[in-house]
Protein backbone atom coordinates (compact mmCIF):
# COMPACT_ATOMS: atom_id res chain seq x y z
CA MET A 1 -65.37 -76.71 18.32
CA ARG A 2 -65.41 -79.24 21.14
CA VAL A 3 -64.06 -82.66 20.22
CA PHE A 4 -63.04 -85.97 21.72
CA ILE A 5 -59.50 -87.16 20.94
CA TYR A 6 -59.49 -90.94 21.29
CA ASN A 7 -56.58 -92.89 22.83
CA ALA A 8 -54.57 -89.87 23.96
CA ALA A 9 -52.26 -91.69 26.41
CA GLY A 10 -54.97 -94.36 26.67
CA LEU A 11 -57.80 -91.92 27.43
CA THR A 12 -60.58 -90.13 25.60
CA VAL A 13 -59.82 -86.46 26.11
CA PRO A 14 -62.34 -83.67 25.44
CA VAL A 15 -60.74 -80.48 24.10
CA GLU A 16 -61.79 -77.20 22.54
CA VAL A 17 -60.06 -76.69 19.17
CA GLU A 18 -60.23 -74.66 16.02
CA PRO A 19 -59.84 -77.23 13.21
CA GLY A 20 -56.68 -76.64 11.22
CA LEU A 21 -55.04 -74.45 13.89
CA PRO A 22 -52.31 -75.65 16.27
CA PHE A 23 -53.23 -75.92 19.95
CA LYS A 24 -51.78 -77.12 23.24
CA PHE A 25 -53.88 -78.69 25.97
CA THR A 26 -52.80 -79.97 29.37
CA CYS A 27 -54.93 -82.34 31.41
CA THR A 28 -53.75 -82.31 35.02
CA GLU A 29 -53.15 -85.35 37.16
CA GLU A 30 -56.22 -84.41 39.20
CA GLU A 31 -58.42 -84.30 36.07
CA CYS A 32 -57.04 -87.29 34.17
CA GLY A 33 -55.31 -89.43 36.78
CA ARG A 34 -51.96 -88.46 35.22
CA LYS A 35 -50.65 -85.40 33.45
CA ILE A 36 -51.30 -85.44 29.72
CA VAL A 37 -49.97 -82.79 27.36
CA ILE A 38 -51.52 -82.72 23.89
CA GLU A 39 -50.10 -80.43 21.22
CA GLY A 40 -50.79 -80.44 17.52
CA VAL A 41 -53.71 -79.90 15.20
CA VAL A 42 -57.13 -81.42 14.60
CA ARG A 43 -57.54 -81.49 10.85
CA PRO A 44 -59.98 -82.76 8.25
CA ALA A 45 -59.35 -86.27 6.94
CA SER A 46 -60.86 -88.41 4.25
CA GLU A 47 -63.05 -91.27 5.41
CA GLU A 48 -60.34 -93.68 4.23
CA GLU A 49 -57.62 -91.98 6.28
CA PHE A 50 -59.89 -91.76 9.33
CA THR A 51 -60.69 -95.48 9.05
CA ARG A 52 -56.97 -96.37 8.83
CA VAL A 53 -56.21 -94.23 11.89
CA LEU A 54 -59.18 -95.70 13.78
CA GLU A 55 -58.19 -99.31 13.02
CA LYS A 56 -54.58 -98.66 14.04
CA THR A 57 -55.85 -97.14 17.30
CA VAL A 58 -58.07 -100.15 18.04
CA LYS A 59 -55.21 -102.53 17.20
CA GLU A 60 -52.94 -100.70 19.65
CA ASN A 61 -55.61 -100.44 22.37
CA SER A 62 -58.59 -102.80 22.25
CA ASP A 63 -60.37 -100.69 24.90
CA PHE A 64 -61.32 -98.41 21.99
CA GLU A 65 -63.23 -101.01 19.93
CA LYS A 66 -66.46 -99.08 20.52
CA ILE A 67 -65.20 -96.18 18.37
CA ARG A 68 -65.67 -98.37 15.30
CA GLU A 69 -69.29 -97.18 15.56
CA ILE A 70 -68.31 -93.60 14.67
CA THR A 71 -70.26 -92.57 11.59
CA ALA A 72 -68.87 -89.04 11.04
CA ARG A 73 -65.39 -90.11 9.95
CA LYS A 74 -63.88 -86.76 9.09
CA LEU A 75 -61.35 -85.53 11.70
CA VAL A 76 -57.96 -86.68 12.99
CA PHE A 77 -55.48 -85.30 15.50
CA GLU A 78 -51.90 -85.04 14.32
CA GLY A 79 -49.23 -84.05 16.81
CA LYS A 80 -47.76 -85.16 20.11
CA VAL A 81 -49.17 -86.63 23.30
CA ASN A 82 -46.67 -86.39 26.16
CA GLY A 83 -43.94 -85.85 23.56
CA LYS A 84 -44.78 -88.92 21.47
CA GLU A 85 -45.77 -88.37 17.81
CA VAL A 86 -49.30 -89.66 17.18
CA LEU A 87 -52.13 -89.69 14.66
CA LEU A 88 -55.46 -90.27 16.44
CA PRO A 89 -59.17 -90.40 15.60
CA VAL A 90 -61.30 -87.42 16.61
CA GLU A 91 -65.06 -86.98 16.91
CA SER A 92 -66.89 -83.70 17.47
CA PHE A 93 -69.22 -83.46 20.47
CA GLU A 94 -72.04 -82.78 18.02
CA ASP A 95 -71.37 -85.96 16.03
CA PHE A 96 -70.95 -87.97 19.24
CA ALA A 97 -74.29 -86.67 20.57
CA ARG A 98 -76.04 -87.46 17.28
CA ARG A 99 -74.59 -90.99 17.25
CA PHE A 100 -75.53 -91.51 20.90
CA LEU A 101 -79.09 -90.32 20.38
CA GLU A 102 -79.55 -92.47 17.27
CA GLU A 103 -78.32 -95.49 19.23
CA VAL A 104 -80.68 -94.76 22.14
CA LEU A 105 -83.64 -94.13 19.86
CA VAL A 106 -83.00 -97.33 17.90
CA LEU A 107 -82.91 -99.34 21.13
CA ARG A 108 -86.41 -98.17 22.03
């Protein structure tokens, strides 16, 4: 499953994961502007947990206010980004695309 991990070292990072299974992903300096190492697991979360994680993320980095619009609140990343323990909101590409298309269609 392809997902976006939000606020991984201040960036939105697309990764391929198998939910519930540990993974390690490295984004090179050329790709991300700096080296980012993500290791942990994308796991299911309740809507309440997702919302708590999302609000904490926005509080820490206001650049991510737009993710409050996420409607499929069901995945979080738990692990380390560049060695720092984190809990971050995650959105599947499929859910992102659906949300994007609904927003575009509503604007018409």
